[in-house]
Amino acid sequence: MPRQKLRDAAFILPFFGLILIMPPFVDIFFSVRLLGGIPVILLYIFCAWTALIVLGWVLSRRLVTDAETAEPRAPILHPMPPEQRDADG
């Protein structure tokens, strides 16, 4: 996946997480049902939270890996020669 798409996905992830825990989505799982003795709404919230953490971790690892394999950037060129910078500063 290109680096820009990874950065976009990392930027959108918190907003996606916010949508997942907003009342319209959480209310879908609001019921008296229990799954393994645990209310379904709690399972939904903690599974969504865990999925967001894992996705964030995967995205961060891919971004770091892409940054290490990317071509080095050109050096920053100063408008003044070093002799003038040392004399002025």
PDB file of N, CA and C in Angstrom:
ATOM      1  N   MET A   1       0.850  -1.174   0.000  1.00  0.00           N
ATOM      2  CA  MET A   1       0.000   0.000   0.000  1.00  0.00           C
ATOM      3  C   MET A   1       0.901   1.243   0.000  1.00  0.00           C
ATOM      4  N   PRO A   2       0.603   2.207  -0.844  1.00  0.00           N
ATOM      5  CA  PRO A   2       1.430   3.420  -0.875  1.00  0.00           C
ATOM      6  C   PRO A   2       1.402   4.170   0.452  1.00  0.00           C
ATOM      7  N   ARG A   3       2.490   4.859   0.721  1.00  0.00           N
ATOM      8  CA  ARG A   3       2.636   5.572   1.998  1.00  0.00           C
ATOM      9  C   ARG A   3       1.517   6.578   2.237  1.00  0.00           C
ATOM     10  N   GLN A   4       1.093   7.302   1.211  1.00  0.00           N
ATOM     11  CA  GLN A   4       0.039   8.307   1.381  1.00  0.00           C
ATOM     12  C   GLN A   4      -1.282   7.651   1.794  1.00  0.00           C
ATOM     13  N   LYS A   5      -1.582   6.488   1.243  1.00  0.00           N
ATOM     14  CA  LYS A   5      -2.810   5.789   1.628  1.00  0.00           C
ATOM     15  C   LYS A   5      -2.729   5.317   3.079  1.00  0.00           C
ATOM     16  N   LEU A   6      -1.558   4.872   3.495  1.00  0.00           N
ATOM     17  CA  LEU A   6      -1.381   4.466   4.893  1.00  0.00           C
ATOM     18  C   LEU A   6      -1.568   5.658   5.831  1.00  0.00           C
ATOM     19  N   ARG A   7      -1.015   6.804   5.451  1.00  0.00           N
ATOM     20  CA  ARG A   7      -1.182   8.010   6.275  1.00  0.00           C
ATOM     21  C   ARG A   7      -2.644   8.430   6.333  1.00  0.00           C
ATOM     22  N   ASP A   8      -3.352   8.333   5.205  1.00  0.00           N
ATOM     23  CA  ASP A   8      -4.771   8.669   5.184  1.00  0.00           C
ATOM     24  C   ASP A   8      -5.571   7.717   6.076  1.00  0.00           C
ATOM     25  N   ALA A   9      -5.246   6.430   6.000  1.00  0.00           N
ATOM     26  CA  ALA A   9      -5.943   5.449   6.839  1.00  0.00           C
ATOM     27  C   ALA A   9      -5.675   5.712   8.319  1.00  0.00           C
ATOM     28  N   ALA A  10      -4.439   6.058   8.656  1.00  0.00           N
ATOM     29  CA  ALA A  10      -4.101   6.362  10.047  1.00  0.00           C
ATOM     30  C   ALA A  10      -4.818   7.628  10.523  1.00  0.00           C
ATOM     31  N   PHE A  11      -5.031   8.577   9.621  1.00  0.00           N
ATOM     32  CA  PHE A  11      -5.744   9.805   9.970  1.00  0.00           C
ATOM     33  C   PHE A  11      -7.235   9.536  10.186  1.00  0.00           C
ATOM     34  N   ILE A  12      -7.820   8.656   9.396  1.00  0.00           N
ATOM     35  CA  ILE A  12      -9.258   8.386   9.454  1.00  0.00           C
ATOM     36  C   ILE A  12      -9.617   7.431  10.591  1.00  0.00           C
ATOM     37  N   LEU A  13      -8.683   6.602  11.029  1.00  0.00           N
ATOM     38  CA  LEU A  13      -8.967   5.582  12.040  1.00  0.00           C
ATOM     39  C   LEU A  13      -9.631   6.131  13.313  1.00  0.00           C
ATOM     40  N   PRO A  14      -9.164   7.221  13.920  1.00  0.00           N
ATOM     41  CA  PRO A  14      -9.844   7.719  15.123  1.00  0.00           C
ATOM     42  C   PRO A  14     -11.290   8.164  14.859  1.00  0.00           C
ATOM     43  N   PHE A  15     -11.530   8.730  13.694  1.00  0.00           N
ATOM     44  CA  PHE A  15     -12.898   9.142  13.368  1.00  0.00           C
ATOM     45  C   PHE A  15     -13.789   7.925  13.160  1.00  0.00           C
ATOM     46  N   PHE A  16     -13.254   6.876  12.549  1.00  0.00           N
ATOM     47  CA  PHE A  16     -13.985   5.630  12.384  1.00  0.00           C
ATOM     48  C   PHE A  16     -14.306   5.035  13.754  1.00  0.00           C
ATOM     49  N   GLY A  17     -13.349   5.091  14.665  1.00  0.00           N
ATOM     50  CA  GLY A  17     -13.579   4.596  16.025  1.00  0.00           C
ATOM     51  C   GLY A  17     -14.647   5.396  16.744  1.00  0.00           C
ATOM     52  N   LEU A  18     -14.645   6.695  16.538  1.00  0.00           N
ATOM     53  CA  LEU A  18     -15.668   7.537  17.150  1.00  0.00           C
ATOM     54  C   LEU A  18     -17.054   7.159  16.644  1.00  0.00           C
ATOM     55  N   ILE A  19     -17.160   6.900  15.353  1.00  0.00           N
ATOM     56  CA  ILE A  19     -18.450   6.491  14.784  1.00  0.00           C
ATOM     57  C   ILE A  19     -18.890   5.155  15.365  1.00  0.00           C
ATOM     58  N   LEU A  20     -17.941   4.230  15.552  1.00  0.00           N
ATOM     59  CA  LEU A  20     -18.286   2.912  16.080  1.00  0.00           C
ATOM     60  C   LEU A  20     -18.852   2.966  17.490  1.00  0.00           C
ATOM     61  N   ILE A  21     -18.438   3.945  18.290  1.00  0.00           N
ATOM     62  CA  ILE A  21     -18.933   3.977  19.671  1.00  0.00           C
ATOM     63  C   ILE A  21     -20.036   5.012  19.887  1.00  0.00           C
ATOM     64  N   MET A  22     -20.525   5.597  18.808  1.00  0.00           N
ATOM     65  CA  MET A  22     -21.638   6.542  18.935  1.00  0.00           C
ATOM     66  C   MET A  22     -22.931   5.772  19.208  1.00  0.00           C
ATOM     67  N   PRO A  23     -23.866   6.395  19.910  1.00  0.00           N
ATOM     68  CA  PRO A  23     -25.091   5.709  20.307  1.00  0.00           C
ATOM     69  C   PRO A  23     -25.865   4.975  19.202  1.00  0.00           C
ATOM     70  N   PRO A  24     -25.986   5.487  17.980  1.00  0.00           N
ATOM     71  CA  PRO A  24     -26.748   4.705  16.991  1.00  0.00           C
ATOM     72  C   PRO A  24     -26.162   3.313  16.741  1.00  0.00           C
ATOM     73  N   PHE A  25     -24.851   3.182  16.742  1.00  0.00           N
ATOM     74  CA  PHE A  25     -24.248   1.862  16.539  1.00  0.00           C
ATOM     75  C   PHE A  25     -24.271   1.032  17.815  1.00  0.00           C
ATOM     76  N   VAL A  26     -24.041   1.646  18.936  1.00  0.00           N
ATOM     77  CA  VAL A  26     -24.036   0.917  20.203  1.00  0.00           C
ATOM     78  C   VAL A  26     -25.447   0.432  20.532  1.00  0.00           C
ATOM     79  N   ASP A  27     -26.456   1.212  20.186  1.00  0.00           N
ATOM     80  CA  ASP A  27     -27.846   0.824  20.473  1.00  0.00           C
ATOM     81  C   ASP A  27     -28.260  -0.430  19.723  1.00  0.00           C
ATOM     82  N   ILE A  28     -27.603  -0.751  18.631  1.00  0.00           N
ATOM     83  CA  ILE A  28     -27.917  -1.989  17.905  1.00  0.00           C
ATOM     84  C   ILE A  28     -27.686  -3.197  18.808  1.00  0.00           C
ATOM     85  N   PHE A  29     -26.688  -3.113  19.664  1.00  0.00           N
ATOM     86  CA  PHE A  29     -26.323  -4.234  20.524  1.00  0.00           C
ATOM     87  C   PHE A  29     -26.911  -4.122  21.933  1.00  0.00           C
ATOM     88  N   PHE A  30     -27.742  -3.110  22.164  1.00  0.00           N
ATOM     89  CA  PHE A  30     -28.330  -2.922  23.486  1.00  0.00           C
ATOM     90  C   PHE A  30     -29.512  -3.858  23.635  1.00  0.00           C
ATOM     91  N   SER A  31     -29.350  -4.857  24.458  1.00  0.00           N
ATOM     92  CA  SER A  31     -30.428  -5.812  24.720  1.00  0.00           C
ATOM     93  C   SER A  31     -30.153  -6.503  26.043  1.00  0.00           C
ATOM     94  N   VAL A  32     -31.060  -7.353  26.419  1.00  0.00           N
ATOM     95  CA  VAL A  32     -30.925  -8.085  27.666  1.00  0.00           C
ATOM     96  C   VAL A  32     -30.136  -9.382  27.447  1.00  0.00           C
ATOM     97  N   ARG A  33     -29.818  -9.674  26.197  1.00  0.00           N
ATOM     98  CA  ARG A  33     -29.121 -10.923  25.889  1.00  0.00           C
ATOM     99  C   ARG A  33     -27.724 -10.947  26.503  1.00  0.00           C
ATOM    100  N   LEU A  34     -27.329 -12.147  26.861  1.00  0.00           N
ATOM    101  CA  LEU A  34     -25.990 -12.381  27.394  1.00  0.00           C
ATOM    102  C   LEU A  34     -25.276 -13.383  26.501  1.00  0.00           C
ATOM    103  N   LEU A  35     -24.009 -13.195  26.327  1.00  0.00           N
ATOM    104  CA  LEU A  35     -23.199 -14.126  25.559  1.00  0.00           C
ATOM    105  C   LEU A  35     -22.050 -14.557  26.461  1.00  0.00           C
ATOM    106  N   GLY A  36     -22.117 -15.776  26.940  1.00  0.00           N
ATOM    107  CA  GLY A  36     -21.114 -16.257  27.881  1.00  0.00           C
ATOM    108  C   GLY A  36     -21.204 -15.540  29.219  1.00  0.00           C
ATOM    109  N   GLY A  37     -22.385 -15.081  29.580  1.00  0.00           N
ATOM    110  CA  GLY A  37     -22.595 -14.389  30.839  1.00  0.00           C
ATOM    111  C   GLY A  37     -22.227 -12.907  30.797  1.00  0.00           C
ATOM    112  N   ILE A  38     -21.872 -12.411  29.620  1.00  0.00           N
ATOM    113  CA  ILE A  38     -21.474 -11.005  29.466  1.00  0.00           C
ATOM    114  C   ILE A  38     -22.492 -10.314  28.567  1.00  0.00           C
ATOM    115  N   PRO A  39     -22.966  -9.136  28.947  1.00  0.00           N
ATOM    116  CA  PRO A  39     -23.896  -8.415  28.083  1.00  0.00           C
ATOM    117  C   PRO A  39     -23.287  -8.155  26.702  1.00  0.00           C
ATOM    118  N   VAL A  40     -24.106  -8.307  25.667  1.00  0.00           N
ATOM    119  CA  VAL A  40     -23.636  -8.167  24.285  1.00  0.00           C
ATOM    120  C   VAL A  40     -23.094  -6.768  24.023  1.00  0.00           C
ATOM    121  N   ILE A  41     -23.675  -5.748  24.641  1.00  0.00           N
ATOM    122  CA  ILE A  41     -23.209  -4.378  24.425  1.00  0.00           C
ATOM    123  C   ILE A  41     -21.765  -4.202  24.907  1.00  0.00           C
ATOM    124  N   LEU A  42     -21.420  -4.822  26.031  1.00  0.00           N
ATOM    125  CA  LEU A  42     -20.037  -4.735  26.520  1.00  0.00           C
ATOM    126  C   LEU A  42     -19.078  -5.466  25.591  1.00  0.00           C
ATOM    127  N   LEU A  43     -19.509  -6.617  25.087  1.00  0.00           N
ATOM    128  CA  LEU A  43     -18.669  -7.339  24.138  1.00  0.00           C
ATOM    129  C   LEU A  43     -18.431  -6.501  22.889  1.00  0.00           C
ATOM    130  N   TYR A  44     -19.466  -5.830  22.389  1.00  0.00           N
ATOM    131  CA  TYR A  44     -19.317  -4.989  21.205  1.00  0.00           C
ATOM    132  C   TYR A  44     -18.322  -3.859  21.463  1.00  0.00           C
ATOM    133  N   ILE A  45     -18.491  -3.165  22.574  1.00  0.00           N
ATOM    134  CA  ILE A  45     -17.625  -2.018  22.865  1.00  0.00           C
ATOM    135  C   ILE A  45     -16.166  -2.460  23.011  1.00  0.00           C
ATOM    136  N   PHE A  46     -15.921  -3.532  23.749  1.00  0.00           N
ATOM    137  CA  PHE A  46     -14.542  -3.961  23.951  1.00  0.00           C
ATOM    138  C   PHE A  46     -13.942  -4.594  22.702  1.00  0.00           C
ATOM    139  N   CYS A  47     -14.755  -5.266  21.890  1.00  0.00           N
ATOM    140  CA  CYS A  47     -14.249  -5.808  20.625  1.00  0.00           C
ATOM    141  C   CYS A  47     -13.923  -4.671  19.652  1.00  0.00           C
ATOM    142  N   ALA A  48     -14.772  -3.647  19.589  1.00  0.00           N
ATOM    143  CA  ALA A  48     -14.496  -2.499  18.719  1.00  0.00           C
ATOM    144  C   ALA A  48     -13.236  -1.785  19.202  1.00  0.00           C
ATOM    145  N   TRP A  49     -13.099  -1.622  20.502  1.00  0.00           N
ATOM    146  CA  TRP A  49     -11.922  -0.968  21.072  1.00  0.00           C
ATOM    147  C   TRP A  49     -10.654  -1.756  20.750  1.00  0.00           C
ATOM    148  N   THR A  50     -10.718  -3.079  20.930  1.00  0.00           N
ATOM    149  CA  THR A  50      -9.568  -3.930  20.630  1.00  0.00           C
ATOM    150  C   THR A  50      -9.221  -3.880  19.144  1.00  0.00           C
ATOM    151  N   ALA A  51     -10.233  -3.910  18.284  1.00  0.00           N
ATOM    152  CA  ALA A  51      -9.990  -3.849  16.843  1.00  0.00           C
ATOM    153  C   ALA A  51      -9.325  -2.532  16.458  1.00  0.00           C
ATOM    154  N   LEU A  52      -9.744  -1.430  17.073  1.00  0.00           N
ATOM    155  CA  LEU A  52      -9.124  -0.135  16.779  1.00  0.00           C
ATOM    156  C   LEU A  52      -7.670  -0.101  17.227  1.00  0.00           C
ATOM    157  N   ILE A  53      -7.384  -0.691  18.373  1.00  0.00           N
ATOM    158  CA  ILE A  53      -6.005  -0.741  18.862  1.00  0.00           C
ATOM    159  C   ILE A  53      -5.140  -1.570  17.915  1.00  0.00           C
ATOM    160  N   VAL A  54      -5.654  -2.725  17.496  1.00  0.00           N
ATOM    161  CA  VAL A  54      -4.890  -3.594  16.597  1.00  0.00           C
ATOM    162  C   VAL A  54      -4.685  -2.915  15.244  1.00  0.00           C
ATOM    163  N   LEU A  55      -5.729  -2.292  14.698  1.00  0.00           N
ATOM    164  CA  LEU A  55      -5.587  -1.589  13.422  1.00  0.00           C
ATOM    165  C   LEU A  55      -4.586  -0.435  13.524  1.00  0.00           C
ATOM    166  N   GLY A  56      -4.632   0.293  14.623  1.00  0.00           N
ATOM    167  CA  GLY A  56      -3.668   1.372  14.828  1.00  0.00           C
ATOM    168  C   GLY A  56      -2.250   0.852  14.911  1.00  0.00           C
ATOM    169  N   TRP A  57      -2.071  -0.263  15.583  1.00  0.00           N
ATOM    170  CA  TRP A  57      -0.746  -0.868  15.699  1.00  0.00           C
ATOM    171  C   TRP A  57      -0.238  -1.325  14.334  1.00  0.00           C
ATOM    172  N   VAL A  58      -1.108  -1.994  13.559  1.00  0.00           N
ATOM    173  CA  VAL A  58      -0.718  -2.468  12.232  1.00  0.00           C
ATOM    174  C   VAL A  58      -0.356  -1.292  11.323  1.00  0.00           C
ATOM    175  N   LEU A  59      -1.187  -0.252  11.336  1.00  0.00           N
ATOM    176  CA  LEU A  59      -0.897   0.922  10.509  1.00  0.00           C
ATOM    177  C   LEU A  59       0.413   1.581  10.919  1.00  0.00           C
ATOM    178  N   SER A  60       0.657   1.687  12.218  1.00  0.00           N
ATOM    179  CA  SER A  60       1.901   2.328  12.659  1.00  0.00           C
ATOM    180  C   SER A  60       3.116   1.503  12.263  1.00  0.00           C
ATOM    181  N   ARG A  61       3.029   0.190  12.364  1.00  0.00           N
ATOM    182  CA  ARG A  61       4.144  -0.671  11.959  1.00  0.00           C
ATOM    183  C   ARG A  61       4.409  -0.551  10.462  1.00  0.00           C
ATOM    184  N   ARG A  62       3.336  -0.504   9.661  1.00  0.00           N
ATOM    185  CA  ARG A  62       3.505  -0.382   8.208  1.00  0.00           C
ATOM    186  C   ARG A  62       4.078   0.975   7.850  1.00  0.00           C
ATOM    187  N   LEU A  63       3.661   2.023   8.554  1.00  0.00           N
ATOM    188  CA  LEU A  63       4.206   3.355   8.279  1.00  0.00           C
ATOM    189  C   LEU A  63       5.685   3.420   8.611  1.00  0.00           C
ATOM    190  N   VAL A  64       6.088   2.831   9.729  1.00  0.00           N
ATOM    191  CA  VAL A  64       7.506   2.831  10.118  1.00  0.00           C
ATOM    192  C   VAL A  64       8.310   2.021   9.114  1.00  0.00           C
ATOM    193  N   THR A  65       7.795   0.874   8.696  1.00  0.00           N
ATOM    194  CA  THR A  65       8.501   0.038   7.731  1.00  0.00           C
ATOM    195  C   THR A  65       8.660   0.765   6.404  1.00  0.00           C
ATOM    196  N   ASP A  66       7.597   1.436   5.943  1.00  0.00           N
ATOM    197  CA  ASP A  66       7.682   2.190   4.697  1.00  0.00           C
ATOM    198  C   ASP A  66       8.648   3.361   4.814  1.00  0.00           C
ATOM    199  N   ALA A  67       8.702   3.984   5.986  1.00  0.00           N
ATOM    200  CA  ALA A  67       9.608   5.119   6.179  1.00  0.00           C
ATOM    201  C   ALA A  67      11.063   4.653   6.134  1.00  0.00           C
ATOM    202  N   GLU A  68      11.332   3.466   6.651  1.00  0.00           N
ATOM    203  CA  GLU A  68      12.706   2.963   6.652  1.00  0.00           C
ATOM    204  C   GLU A  68      13.160   2.552   5.257  1.00  0.00           C
ATOM    205  N   THR A  69      12.248   2.065   4.434  1.00  0.00           N
ATOM    206  CA  THR A  69      12.620   1.612   3.099  1.00  0.00           C
ATOM    207  C   THR A  69      12.476   2.706   2.044  1.00  0.00           C
ATOM    208  N   ALA A  70      11.924   3.843   2.432  1.00  0.00           N
ATOM    209  CA  ALA A  70      11.733   4.927   1.466  1.00  0.00           C
ATOM    210  C   ALA A  70      13.077   5.529   1.078  1.00  0.00           C
ATOM    211  N   GLU A  71      13.084   6.150  -0.071  1.00  0.00           N
ATOM    212  CA  GLU A  71      14.308   6.806  -0.525  1.00  0.00           C
ATOM    213  C   GLU A  71      14.603   8.004   0.370  1.00  0.00           C
ATOM    214  N   PRO A  72      15.873   8.243   0.664  1.00  0.00           N
ATOM    215  CA  PRO A  72      16.190   9.403   1.498  1.00  0.00           C
ATOM    216  C   PRO A  72      15.831  10.704   0.777  1.00  0.00           C
ATOM    217  N   ARG A  73      15.413  11.660   1.548  1.00  0.00           N
ATOM    218  CA  ARG A  73      15.066  12.956   0.982  1.00  0.00           C
ATOM    219  C   ARG A  73      16.320  13.760   0.691  1.00  0.00           C
ATOM    220  N   ALA A  74      16.162  14.721  -0.191  1.00  0.00           N
ATOM    221  CA  ALA A  74      17.278  15.600  -0.519  1.00  0.00           C
ATOM    222  C   ALA A  74      17.632  16.433   0.713  1.00  0.00           C
ATOM    223  N   PRO A  75      18.893  16.752   0.899  1.00  0.00           N
ATOM    224  CA  PRO A  75      19.276  17.562   2.061  1.00  0.00           C
ATOM    225  C   PRO A  75      18.692  18.971   1.954  1.00  0.00           C
ATOM    226  N   ILE A  76      18.488  19.563   3.104  1.00  0.00           N
ATOM    227  CA  ILE A  76      17.977  20.930   3.137  1.00  0.00           C
ATOM    228  C   ILE A  76      19.113  21.873   2.768  1.00  0.00           C
ATOM    229  N   LEU A  77      18.871  22.694   1.788  1.00  0.00           N
ATOM    230  CA  LEU A  77      19.895  23.638   1.347  1.00  0.00           C
ATOM    231  C   LEU A  77      19.639  24.992   1.985  1.00  0.00           C
ATOM    232  N   HIS A  78      20.681  25.554   2.563  1.00  0.00           N
ATOM    233  CA  HIS A  78      20.567  26.858   3.192  1.00  0.00           C
ATOM    234  C   HIS A  78      20.844  27.942   2.148  1.00  0.00           C
ATOM    235  N   PRO A  79      20.136  29.065   2.238  1.00  0.00           N
ATOM    236  CA  PRO A  79      20.358  30.122   1.260  1.00  0.00           C
ATOM    237  C   PRO A  79      21.718  30.802   1.393  1.00  0.00           C
ATOM    238  N   MET A  80      22.335  30.693   2.579  1.00  0.00           N
ATOM    239  CA  MET A  80      23.634  31.349   2.787  1.00  0.00           C
ATOM    240  C   MET A  80      24.724  30.301   2.914  1.00  0.00           C
ATOM    241  N   PRO A  81      25.911  30.612   2.474  1.00  0.00           N
ATOM    242  CA  PRO A  81      27.039  29.695   2.698  1.00  0.00           C
ATOM    243  C   PRO A  81      27.348  29.607   4.194  1.00  0.00           C
ATOM    244  N   PRO A  82      27.991  28.534   4.643  1.00  0.00           N
ATOM    245  CA  PRO A  82      28.268  28.357   6.068  1.00  0.00           C
ATOM    246  C   PRO A  82      29.078  29.494   6.674  1.00  0.00           C
ATOM    247  N   GLU A  83      29.970  30.106   5.895  1.00  0.00           N
ATOM    248  CA  GLU A  83      30.775  31.184   6.457  1.00  0.00           C
ATOM    249  C   GLU A  83      29.904  32.352   6.887  1.00  0.00           C
ATOM    250  N   GLN A  84      28.928  32.705   6.074  1.00  0.00           N
ATOM    251  CA  GLN A  84      28.042  33.823   6.418  1.00  0.00           C
ATOM    252  C   GLN A  84      27.110  33.451   7.556  1.00  0.00           C
ATOM    253  N   ARG A  85      26.641  32.213   7.601  1.00  0.00           N
ATOM    254  CA  ARG A  85      25.759  31.806   8.705  1.00  0.00           C
ATOM    255  C   ARG A  85      26.495  31.892  10.035  1.00  0.00           C
ATOM    256  N   ASP A  86      27.759  31.466  10.067  1.00  0.00           N
ATOM    257  CA  ASP A  86      28.527  31.525  11.307  1.00  0.00           C
ATOM    258  C   ASP A  86      28.809  32.963  11.717  1.00  0.00           C
ATOM    259  N   ALA A  87      29.051  33.835  10.773  1.00  0.00           N
ATOM    260  CA  ALA A  87      29.336  35.242  11.073  1.00  0.00           C
ATOM    261  C   ALA A  87      28.106  35.971  11.577  1.00  0.00           C
ATOM    262  N   ASP A  88      26.913  35.603  11.047  1.00  0.00           N
ATOM    263  CA  ASP A  88      25.676  36.285  11.455  1.00  0.00           C
ATOM    264  C   ASP A  88      25.155  35.767  12.792  1.00  0.00           C
ATOM    265  N   GLY A  89      25.370  34.515  13.089  1.00  0.00           N
ATOM    266  CA  GLY A  89      24.733  33.925  14.248  1.00  0.00           C
ATOM    267  C   GLY A  89      25.595  33.894  15.409  1.00  0.00           C
TER     268      GLY A  89
END
